[in-house]
Structure formats: structure tokens, C-alpha cells
């Protein structure tokens, strides 16, 4: 089964992964790697789209910022370990690696931006929920009442 622990099966007979979130992150990480090694120009939109799916999950899982984007640095470590096995005389390879590391660094910045926006949105959702709870409690306790809209024209108020 390609190393994927499976439990139930889909309607089409294909097995479902036992850890769908982990499986999705693995798939998206592979997509990211393929995009990064692409010799074309750095495609911010495509990388951002892939990174969004990875980092959004990590933001919701309450990882710290450094934990959420650390997988990008692990990618560099993995490549460095593999390069140690190769000959040090290939200057072209060295140039390619430096260029690739630059792409990883750009992707890390994208990941950081996505993570920050996700955490900000989660915070806004939590604050709105607390505000609604407090407002409801105050209304039920008759400690707050709705104030009707004030129209200065109807109440003959001048702005002199």
C-alpha cells in the first residue's frame, strides 16, 4: 500500500489512510518539493497555494510559529545530508544547491505569512465568540439594553 497505513475503504474500493491529515501533509510536502526543484522561475502563487494547505493545518493544531514552519528547514537539512555523500568538486551542483536554498527561504517567508494570517483569523473568531457570550449574558441579566439608532435630523440637532 505504499507505506500508508489504511483502515476503512472508500466507495471506489481504494483504501483510506489511517491518518488523513498526516497523509495530506505528506502529499502536499511532496508537491512542494517538486515545485521547488522545478527549474522554472519561482512560482509564488503555486507555492503559496501548496503551503496554505500545509500551514493552515499546523496553525489550527496550535503549533508555535517556529514549529509550524520548521518542516521547511528540515527540508534543507535533508538535502545537506544527501549532498555530503556527493563529491565536493562539482561546482555546478553547488550553484544549484545555493539557488535551491534561496527558493526554500522564499517559501519559508510565504509559510510564515500564511501561518500569521491563520492565527490572526483564529484569534478574531475566538474574540468574537467571547464578545457574543458576554453580550448574551448581559442581556439575560438585564444589565444591557439595545440603544435605538440616533438620527440627528429627526431630533432637530444641528451640527453648529
N, C-alpha and C. Protein backbone atom coordinates (compact mmCIF):
# COMPACT_ATOMS: atom_id res chain seq x y z
N UNK A 1 0.82 -1.21 0.00
CA UNK A 1 0.00 0.00 0.00
C UNK A 1 0.86 1.26 0.00
N UNK A 2 2.11 1.19 -0.37
CA UNK A 2 2.94 2.37 -0.46
C UNK A 2 3.27 3.01 0.86
N UNK A 3 3.26 2.25 1.92
CA UNK A 3 3.64 2.79 3.23
C UNK A 3 2.53 3.54 3.95
N UNK A 4 1.35 3.55 3.41
CA UNK A 4 0.25 4.27 4.04
C UNK A 4 -0.56 3.28 4.85
N UNK A 5 -0.65 3.53 6.15
CA UNK A 5 -1.47 2.67 6.99
C UNK A 5 -2.93 2.95 6.66
N UNK A 6 -3.66 1.92 6.37
CA UNK A 6 -5.04 2.11 5.92
C UNK A 6 -6.02 1.44 6.86
N UNK A 7 -7.18 2.03 6.93
CA UNK A 7 -8.24 1.46 7.72
C UNK A 7 -9.39 1.12 6.81
N UNK A 8 -10.44 1.93 6.82
CA UNK A 8 -11.63 1.72 6.01
C UNK A 8 -11.29 1.87 4.52
N UNK A 9 -12.28 1.61 3.70
CA UNK A 9 -12.05 1.84 2.27
C UNK A 9 -13.09 2.81 1.75
N UNK A 10 -12.74 3.49 0.68
CA UNK A 10 -13.64 4.44 0.03
C UNK A 10 -14.69 3.67 -0.74
N UNK A 11 -15.66 4.37 -1.23
CA UNK A 11 -16.69 3.76 -2.04
C UNK A 11 -16.14 3.15 -3.32
N UNK A 12 -15.00 3.68 -3.79
CA UNK A 12 -14.42 3.18 -5.02
C UNK A 12 -13.46 2.00 -4.78
N UNK A 13 -13.40 1.50 -3.56
CA UNK A 13 -12.56 0.35 -3.24
C UNK A 13 -11.14 0.71 -2.83
N UNK A 14 -10.73 1.98 -3.04
CA UNK A 14 -9.39 2.39 -2.64
C UNK A 14 -9.36 2.61 -1.13
N UNK A 15 -8.28 2.22 -0.47
CA UNK A 15 -8.22 2.36 0.99
C UNK A 15 -8.07 3.82 1.41
N UNK A 16 -8.63 4.14 2.58
CA UNK A 16 -8.45 5.46 3.18
C UNK A 16 -7.22 5.41 4.09
N UNK A 17 -6.43 6.46 4.12
CA UNK A 17 -5.31 6.46 5.05
C UNK A 17 -5.80 6.51 6.50
N UNK A 18 -5.07 5.88 7.40
CA UNK A 18 -5.44 5.88 8.82
C UNK A 18 -5.34 7.28 9.41
N UNK A 19 -4.42 8.09 8.91
CA UNK A 19 -4.24 9.46 9.38
C UNK A 19 -4.39 10.39 8.18
N UNK A 20 -5.62 10.81 7.85
CA UNK A 20 -5.83 11.62 6.65
C UNK A 20 -5.10 12.95 6.68
N UNK A 21 -4.99 13.59 7.84
CA UNK A 21 -4.29 14.87 7.93
C UNK A 21 -2.80 14.67 7.64
N UNK A 22 -2.20 13.67 8.27
CA UNK A 22 -0.79 13.37 8.03
C UNK A 22 -0.53 13.00 6.58
N UNK A 23 -1.43 12.22 6.02
CA UNK A 23 -1.32 11.80 4.62
C UNK A 23 -1.39 13.02 3.70
N UNK A 24 -2.32 13.92 3.97
CA UNK A 24 -2.47 15.13 3.16
C UNK A 24 -1.22 16.00 3.25
N UNK A 25 -0.68 16.15 4.45
CA UNK A 25 0.54 16.95 4.62
C UNK A 25 1.70 16.31 3.86
N UNK A 26 1.79 14.99 3.92
CA UNK A 26 2.86 14.29 3.20
C UNK A 26 2.73 14.53 1.70
N UNK A 27 1.52 14.41 1.19
CA UNK A 27 1.28 14.62 -0.25
C UNK A 27 1.62 16.05 -0.65
N UNK A 28 1.20 17.02 0.14
CA UNK A 28 1.44 18.42 -0.19
C UNK A 28 2.93 18.76 -0.06
N UNK A 29 3.62 18.13 0.89
CA UNK A 29 5.07 18.35 1.02
C UNK A 29 5.79 17.84 -0.22
N UNK A 30 5.33 16.70 -0.72
CA UNK A 30 5.93 16.18 -1.96
C UNK A 30 5.65 17.13 -3.12
N UNK A 31 4.43 17.66 -3.21
CA UNK A 31 4.10 18.63 -4.25
C UNK A 31 4.99 19.87 -4.14
N UNK A 32 5.21 20.32 -2.90
CA UNK A 32 6.06 21.49 -2.67
C UNK A 32 7.49 21.22 -3.14
N UNK A 33 8.01 20.06 -2.80
CA UNK A 33 9.37 19.70 -3.21
C UNK A 33 9.49 19.70 -4.73
N UNK A 34 8.51 19.10 -5.40
CA UNK A 34 8.53 19.06 -6.87
C UNK A 34 8.51 20.48 -7.44
N UNK A 35 7.71 21.34 -6.85
CA UNK A 35 7.64 22.73 -7.33
C UNK A 35 8.96 23.47 -7.07
N UNK A 36 9.58 23.20 -5.94
CA UNK A 36 10.84 23.88 -5.62
C UNK A 36 11.99 23.43 -6.52
N UNK A 37 11.99 22.17 -6.91
CA UNK A 37 13.09 21.70 -7.76
C UNK A 37 12.84 22.01 -9.24
N UNK A 38 11.66 22.51 -9.53
CA UNK A 38 11.34 22.92 -10.89
C UNK A 38 12.34 24.00 -11.32
N UNK A 39 12.90 23.84 -12.49
CA UNK A 39 13.93 24.77 -12.96
C UNK A 39 13.37 26.09 -13.46
N UNK A 40 12.06 26.18 -13.57
CA UNK A 40 11.45 27.43 -13.99
C UNK A 40 11.58 28.47 -12.89
N UNK A 41 11.11 29.65 -13.18
CA UNK A 41 11.12 30.75 -12.21
C UNK A 41 10.29 30.37 -10.98
N UNK A 42 10.65 30.91 -9.84
CA UNK A 42 9.93 30.67 -8.59
C UNK A 42 8.48 31.11 -8.76
N UNK A 43 7.53 30.19 -8.59
CA UNK A 43 6.12 30.46 -8.78
C UNK A 43 5.45 30.69 -7.42
N UNK A 44 5.42 31.94 -6.99
CA UNK A 44 4.89 32.29 -5.67
C UNK A 44 3.44 31.84 -5.49
N UNK A 45 2.63 32.00 -6.52
CA UNK A 45 1.21 31.64 -6.41
C UNK A 45 1.04 30.15 -6.15
N UNK A 46 1.72 29.34 -6.93
CA UNK A 46 1.57 27.89 -6.80
C UNK A 46 2.13 27.42 -5.46
N UNK A 47 3.30 27.94 -5.09
CA UNK A 47 3.90 27.55 -3.81
C UNK A 47 3.03 28.01 -2.66
N UNK A 48 2.49 29.21 -2.77
CA UNK A 48 1.61 29.72 -1.72
C UNK A 48 0.38 28.84 -1.56
N UNK A 49 -0.18 28.38 -2.67
CA UNK A 49 -1.35 27.51 -2.63
C UNK A 49 -1.03 26.19 -1.92
N UNK A 50 0.10 25.61 -2.25
CA UNK A 50 0.52 24.34 -1.61
C UNK A 50 0.80 24.57 -0.13
N UNK A 51 1.55 25.64 0.16
CA UNK A 51 1.92 25.94 1.55
C UNK A 51 0.69 26.23 2.40
N UNK A 52 -0.30 26.87 1.81
CA UNK A 52 -1.52 27.20 2.55
C UNK A 52 -2.16 25.95 3.12
N UNK A 53 -2.21 24.89 2.34
CA UNK A 53 -2.84 23.65 2.80
C UNK A 53 -2.04 22.99 3.92
N UNK A 54 -0.72 23.15 3.90
CA UNK A 54 0.12 22.55 4.94
C UNK A 54 0.07 23.40 6.21
N UNK A 55 0.32 24.69 6.05
CA UNK A 55 0.47 25.58 7.21
C UNK A 55 -0.87 25.82 7.91
N UNK A 56 -1.95 25.88 7.16
CA UNK A 56 -3.27 26.10 7.77
C UNK A 56 -3.58 25.00 8.80
N UNK A 57 -3.28 23.77 8.46
CA UNK A 57 -3.49 22.65 9.39
C UNK A 57 -2.61 22.83 10.63
N UNK A 58 -1.37 23.23 10.41
CA UNK A 58 -0.45 23.39 11.53
C UNK A 58 -0.85 24.56 12.43
N UNK A 59 -1.46 25.60 11.86
CA UNK A 59 -1.92 26.75 12.64
C UNK A 59 -3.09 26.36 13.53
N UNK A 60 -4.02 25.58 12.97
CA UNK A 60 -5.19 25.14 13.74
C UNK A 60 -4.78 24.17 14.84
N UNK A 61 -3.72 23.39 14.61
CA UNK A 61 -3.27 22.43 15.61
C UNK A 61 -2.50 23.10 16.75
N UNK A 62 -2.45 24.42 16.75
CA UNK A 62 -1.86 25.19 17.84
C UNK A 62 -0.34 25.01 17.96
N UNK A 63 0.34 24.82 16.83
CA UNK A 63 1.80 24.82 16.84
C UNK A 63 2.28 26.25 17.04
N UNK A 64 3.45 26.41 17.64
CA UNK A 64 4.07 27.73 17.67
C UNK A 64 4.49 28.05 16.24
N UNK A 65 4.81 29.31 15.98
CA UNK A 65 5.23 29.71 14.64
C UNK A 65 6.42 28.90 14.18
N UNK A 66 7.43 28.78 15.04
CA UNK A 66 8.65 28.05 14.64
C UNK A 66 8.36 26.57 14.39
N UNK A 67 7.48 25.97 15.18
CA UNK A 67 7.12 24.57 14.97
C UNK A 67 6.34 24.39 13.67
N UNK A 68 5.48 25.36 13.38
CA UNK A 68 4.62 25.25 12.20
C UNK A 68 5.40 25.30 10.89
N UNK A 69 6.47 26.07 10.86
CA UNK A 69 7.22 26.19 9.60
C UNK A 69 8.56 25.48 9.64
N UNK A 70 8.84 24.77 10.70
CA UNK A 70 10.13 24.08 10.83
C UNK A 70 10.36 23.02 9.77
N UNK A 71 9.27 22.47 9.21
CA UNK A 71 9.43 21.43 8.19
C UNK A 71 10.21 21.95 6.99
N UNK A 72 10.15 23.25 6.74
CA UNK A 72 10.90 23.83 5.62
C UNK A 72 12.41 23.75 5.88
N UNK A 73 12.80 23.97 7.11
CA UNK A 73 14.23 23.89 7.43
C UNK A 73 14.70 22.44 7.46
N UNK A 74 13.81 21.54 7.83
CA UNK A 74 14.15 20.12 7.79
C UNK A 74 14.43 19.68 6.35
N UNK A 75 13.74 20.30 5.43
CA UNK A 75 13.99 20.02 4.01
C UNK A 75 15.43 20.39 3.64
N UNK A 76 15.88 21.53 4.11
CA UNK A 76 17.27 21.94 3.87
C UNK A 76 18.25 20.95 4.51
N UNK A 77 17.97 20.55 5.74
CA UNK A 77 18.84 19.60 6.43
C UNK A 77 18.94 18.28 5.67
N UNK A 78 17.82 17.82 5.17
CA UNK A 78 17.80 16.56 4.41
C UNK A 78 18.65 16.67 3.15
N UNK A 79 18.50 17.77 2.46
CA UNK A 79 19.30 17.97 1.23
C UNK A 79 20.78 18.08 1.56
N UNK A 80 21.12 18.80 2.62
CA UNK A 80 22.52 18.93 3.02
C UNK A 80 23.12 17.56 3.35
N UNK A 81 22.37 16.74 4.06
CA UNK A 81 22.86 15.39 4.40
C UNK A 81 23.12 14.57 3.14
N UNK A 82 22.23 14.69 2.16
CA UNK A 82 22.42 13.96 0.91
C UNK A 82 23.62 14.49 0.13
N UNK A 83 23.82 15.80 0.18
CA UNK A 83 24.94 16.40 -0.55
C UNK A 83 26.29 16.00 0.03
N UNK A 84 26.34 15.73 1.32
CA UNK A 84 27.59 15.31 1.95
C UNK A 84 28.09 14.00 1.34
N UNK A 85 27.16 13.24 0.79
CA UNK A 85 27.51 11.96 0.19
C UNK A 85 28.11 12.15 -1.21
N UNK A 86 27.86 13.30 -1.81
CA UNK A 86 28.33 13.55 -3.17
C UNK A 86 29.73 14.17 -3.16
N UNK A 87 30.33 14.19 -4.31
CA UNK A 87 31.65 14.78 -4.43
C UNK A 87 31.59 16.30 -4.27
N UNK A 88 32.62 16.87 -3.71
CA UNK A 88 32.66 18.32 -3.48
C UNK A 88 33.26 19.07 -4.66
N UNK A 89 33.61 18.38 -5.73
CA UNK A 89 34.25 19.03 -6.86
C UNK A 89 33.28 19.57 -7.89
N UNK A 90 32.02 19.25 -7.77
CA UNK A 90 31.03 19.67 -8.76
C UNK A 90 30.52 21.08 -8.42
N UNK A 91 31.11 22.10 -9.05
CA UNK A 91 30.74 23.50 -8.78
C UNK A 91 29.32 23.80 -9.28
N UNK A 92 28.90 23.16 -10.35
CA UNK A 92 27.55 23.37 -10.87
C UNK A 92 26.52 22.93 -9.84
N UNK A 93 26.78 21.81 -9.20
CA UNK A 93 25.88 21.31 -8.18
C UNK A 93 25.80 22.29 -7.02
N UNK A 94 26.93 22.85 -6.64
CA UNK A 94 26.95 23.82 -5.55
C UNK A 94 26.09 25.03 -5.90
N UNK A 95 26.20 25.53 -7.12
CA UNK A 95 25.39 26.67 -7.57
C UNK A 95 23.90 26.30 -7.51
N UNK A 96 23.56 25.11 -7.98
CA UNK A 96 22.18 24.66 -7.97
C UNK A 96 21.62 24.57 -6.55
N UNK A 97 22.46 24.09 -5.64
CA UNK A 97 22.02 23.96 -4.24
C UNK A 97 21.78 25.33 -3.63
N UNK A 98 22.68 26.26 -3.87
CA UNK A 98 22.51 27.62 -3.33
C UNK A 98 21.23 28.24 -3.89
N UNK A 99 20.98 28.04 -5.17
CA UNK A 99 19.77 28.54 -5.79
C UNK A 99 18.53 27.89 -5.17
N UNK A 100 18.62 26.58 -4.95
CA UNK A 100 17.50 25.84 -4.35
C UNK A 100 17.25 26.32 -2.92
N UNK A 101 18.28 26.55 -2.17
CA UNK A 101 18.12 27.05 -0.80
C UNK A 101 17.46 28.42 -0.80
N UNK A 102 17.75 29.23 -1.81
CA UNK A 102 17.08 30.53 -1.93
C UNK A 102 15.58 30.35 -2.13
N UNK A 103 15.21 29.36 -2.93
CA UNK A 103 13.78 29.07 -3.13
C UNK A 103 13.14 28.62 -1.82
N UNK A 104 13.85 27.79 -1.07
CA UNK A 104 13.30 27.33 0.21
C UNK A 104 13.10 28.52 1.14
N UNK A 105 14.06 29.43 1.17
CA UNK A 105 13.94 30.61 2.03
C UNK A 105 12.72 31.46 1.64
N UNK A 106 12.49 31.62 0.36
CA UNK A 106 11.30 32.37 -0.09
C UNK A 106 10.03 31.63 0.34
N UNK A 107 10.04 30.31 0.21
CA UNK A 107 8.87 29.52 0.62
C UNK A 107 8.63 29.62 2.12
N UNK A 108 9.70 29.70 2.91
CA UNK A 108 9.56 29.86 4.36
C UNK A 108 8.87 31.19 4.67
N UNK A 109 9.23 32.23 3.96
CA UNK A 109 8.58 33.53 4.18
C UNK A 109 7.09 33.45 3.85
N UNK A 110 6.75 32.74 2.78
CA UNK A 110 5.35 32.55 2.43
C UNK A 110 4.64 31.77 3.54
N UNK A 111 5.29 30.72 4.03
CA UNK A 111 4.70 29.91 5.10
C UNK A 111 4.46 30.75 6.35
N UNK A 112 5.41 31.59 6.68
CA UNK A 112 5.27 32.44 7.86
C UNK A 112 4.08 33.38 7.71
N UNK A 113 3.94 33.97 6.53
CA UNK A 113 2.83 34.87 6.27
C UNK A 113 1.49 34.15 6.39
N UNK A 114 1.40 32.97 5.80
CA UNK A 114 0.16 32.18 5.86
C UNK A 114 -0.16 31.83 7.31
N UNK A 115 0.83 31.36 8.03
CA UNK A 115 0.63 30.97 9.43
C UNK A 115 0.13 32.17 10.24
N UNK A 116 0.76 33.32 10.06
CA UNK A 116 0.37 34.52 10.82
C UNK A 116 -1.08 34.90 10.53
N UNK A 117 -1.48 34.84 9.26
CA UNK A 117 -2.86 35.18 8.90
C UNK A 117 -3.85 34.18 9.49
N UNK A 118 -3.50 32.91 9.47
CA UNK A 118 -4.38 31.88 10.05
C UNK A 118 -4.55 32.09 11.55
N UNK A 119 -3.45 32.33 12.24
CA UNK A 119 -3.52 32.54 13.70
C UNK A 119 -4.32 33.80 14.02
N UNK A 120 -4.14 34.85 13.22
CA UNK A 120 -4.89 36.08 13.42
C UNK A 120 -6.39 35.83 13.25
N UNK A 121 -6.76 35.07 12.22
CA UNK A 121 -8.17 34.75 11.98
C UNK A 121 -8.75 33.91 13.12
N UNK A 122 -7.98 32.92 13.60
CA UNK A 122 -8.44 32.12 14.73
C UNK A 122 -8.65 32.98 15.97
N UNK A 123 -7.75 33.93 16.21
CA UNK A 123 -7.89 34.83 17.35
C UNK A 123 -9.15 35.68 17.20
N UNK A 124 -9.39 36.21 16.00
CA UNK A 124 -10.58 37.03 15.76
C UNK A 124 -11.85 36.22 16.02
N UNK A 125 -11.86 34.97 15.58
CA UNK A 125 -13.02 34.10 15.80
C UNK A 125 -13.25 33.88 17.29
N UNK A 126 -12.17 33.63 18.04
CA UNK A 126 -12.29 33.42 19.49
C UNK A 126 -12.80 34.68 20.18
N UNK A 127 -12.27 35.84 19.81
CA UNK A 127 -12.68 37.11 20.43
C UNK A 127 -14.15 37.37 20.14
N UNK A 128 -14.58 37.16 18.91
CA UNK A 128 -15.98 37.37 18.54
C UNK A 128 -16.89 36.44 19.34
N UNK A 129 -16.46 35.20 19.55
CA UNK A 129 -17.24 34.26 20.34
C UNK A 129 -17.38 34.71 21.79
N UNK A 130 -16.31 35.19 22.37
CA UNK A 130 -16.35 35.67 23.75
C UNK A 130 -17.23 36.91 23.84
N UNK A 131 -17.11 37.82 22.89
CA UNK A 131 -17.95 39.03 22.89
C UNK A 131 -19.43 38.65 22.82
N UNK A 132 -19.77 37.68 21.97
CA UNK A 132 -21.16 37.25 21.86
C UNK A 132 -21.66 36.61 23.15
N UNK A 133 -20.80 35.81 23.80
CA UNK A 133 -21.20 35.18 25.06
C UNK A 133 -21.45 36.23 26.14
N UNK A 134 -20.54 37.19 26.27
CA UNK A 134 -20.68 38.24 27.29
C UNK A 134 -21.91 39.08 27.01
N UNK A 135 -22.10 39.45 25.75
CA UNK A 135 -23.27 40.25 25.39
C UNK A 135 -24.56 39.52 25.73
N UNK A 136 -24.62 38.24 25.43
CA UNK A 136 -25.80 37.44 25.74
C UNK A 136 -26.06 37.36 27.23
N UNK A 137 -25.01 37.16 27.99
CA UNK A 137 -25.15 37.11 29.46
C UNK A 137 -25.65 38.44 30.02
N UNK A 138 -25.11 39.54 29.51
CA UNK A 138 -25.54 40.86 30.00
C UNK A 138 -27.00 41.13 29.64
N UNK A 139 -27.42 40.73 28.44
CA UNK A 139 -28.82 40.93 28.05
C UNK A 139 -29.75 40.10 28.94
N UNK A 140 -29.39 38.85 29.18
CA UNK A 140 -30.23 37.99 30.03
C UNK A 140 -30.29 38.50 31.46
N UNK A 141 -29.28 39.18 31.89
CA UNK A 141 -29.25 39.72 33.25
C UNK A 141 -29.84 41.12 33.32
N UNK A 142 -30.37 41.60 32.21
CA UNK A 142 -30.92 42.96 32.10
C UNK A 142 -29.91 44.02 32.50
N UNK A 143 -28.64 43.77 32.22
CA UNK A 143 -27.60 44.75 32.51
C UNK A 143 -27.24 45.55 31.26
N UNK A 144 -27.83 45.19 30.15
CA UNK A 144 -27.57 45.90 28.91
C UNK A 144 -28.84 45.88 28.09
N UNK A 145 -29.06 46.95 27.37
CA UNK A 145 -30.24 47.04 26.50
C UNK A 145 -29.79 47.60 25.16
N UNK A 146 -30.57 47.30 24.15
CA UNK A 146 -30.27 47.82 22.82
C UNK A 146 -30.57 49.32 22.82
N UNK A 147 -29.72 50.10 22.23
CA UNK A 147 -29.93 51.55 22.11
C UNK A 147 -30.41 51.80 20.69
N UNK A 148 -31.54 52.47 20.58
CA UNK A 148 -32.04 52.73 19.22
C UNK A 148 -31.09 53.67 18.47
N UNK A 149 -31.12 53.57 17.14
CA UNK A 149 -30.29 54.43 16.30
C UNK A 149 -30.69 55.89 16.52
N UNK A 150 -29.74 56.77 16.54
CA UNK A 150 -29.98 58.19 16.76
C UNK A 150 -29.90 58.88 15.42
N UNK A 151 -30.95 59.54 15.00
CA UNK A 151 -30.96 60.28 13.76
C UNK A 151 -31.03 61.74 14.10
N UNK A 152 -29.95 62.48 13.80
CA UNK A 152 -29.86 63.90 14.17
C UNK A 152 -30.92 64.73 13.46
N UNK A 153 -31.33 64.40 12.25
CA UNK A 153 -32.33 65.18 11.51
C UNK A 153 -33.70 65.08 12.18
N UNK A 154 -34.05 63.89 12.66
CA UNK A 154 -35.35 63.69 13.30
C UNK A 154 -35.42 64.38 14.66
N UNK A 155 -34.32 64.56 15.31
CA UNK A 155 -34.30 65.10 16.66
C UNK A 155 -33.87 66.56 16.68
N UNK A 156 -33.89 67.23 15.51
CA UNK A 156 -33.56 68.64 15.39
C UNK A 156 -32.23 68.99 16.03
N UNK A 157 -31.25 68.23 15.83
CA UNK A 157 -29.94 68.51 16.37
C UNK A 157 -29.12 69.12 15.25
N UNK A 158 -28.58 70.28 15.50
CA UNK A 158 -27.75 70.90 14.47
C UNK A 158 -26.30 70.67 14.78
N UNK A 159 -25.48 70.74 13.75
CA UNK A 159 -24.05 70.46 13.93
C UNK A 159 -23.25 71.75 14.00
N UNK A 160 -23.85 72.87 14.42
CA UNK A 160 -23.16 74.15 14.53
C UNK A 160 -22.17 74.13 15.64
